[in-house]
Amino acid sequence: MLANLREKIAKRGSRGISSIGRKFKIADDNRSGNLDSEEFVKCLHDFRIGMNNKQCLQVYKIFDRDGSGEVSYDEFLRMVRGEMNDFRKGIAMKAFAIMDKDGSKLLDINDIRQSYNAKQHPDVKAGKKTEDEILSEFLDTFEDHHCDIQGNDDCRDGKVTKLEWIEYYNNVSMSIDRDDYFELMMTKTWNLDGARVTKKGWAGEQ
């Protein structure tokens, strides 16, 4: 049941996964920061994954691991998405370090635009989206996640922290089964092996 839920959410790509926080907040009617069983069922229905109420309640029992009668956002996110293993985290942070040329520990749109090769993104390779769409969504996803954490839709600052970077790739990682494919995707996207010589690594500006 849980595997089915993860599979359906993963098929929506990183944008769909990043919307988890927003749907969680919408379902949290009493603003407690947690979901009870009724709110949890509402949240799963908002995902439109085709589960009936009985199936949703079965999933709820899996999520409510401590039997408290409530599920926190962290519990919800960990169960649905999981986190990258250490191998993938290492690759993601290697890419961040390459981008962070001034050592500020923050990335802005110019850092990303100079290095990001969107043509290697799975959705671009599958013909689902253009490279420009991926770049825009890529930046929006960082901001969306940051604002979800802050609980403030006006918190956009145009900067990407290490935490936001890792959270983004936790989302991407969910839809990639194999470590070697994740490594290949990151290497091609961020030119981690130095094989590509270009001023700007995303298509349309090479």
Foldseek 3Di string as FASTA:
>chain_A
DLVLLLVLQLVVALLSLLCLLVLLCVLPVVNPQWDALVSQLVSSVVSVSPDDSVVSSVVVCVLPVVPPRIHHPVSVSCSNQNADDPLLLVLLVLLVVVLPPVPPQKHALVSCQQFFAQCLQPCNVVVNDPSVVCSVVLQVSLQSNVCSVVVHNPPDDRMHHSVSSRVSVSSNVSNPDDPVVSNVSSCLGRVSVVPDDDRGNYPPRD
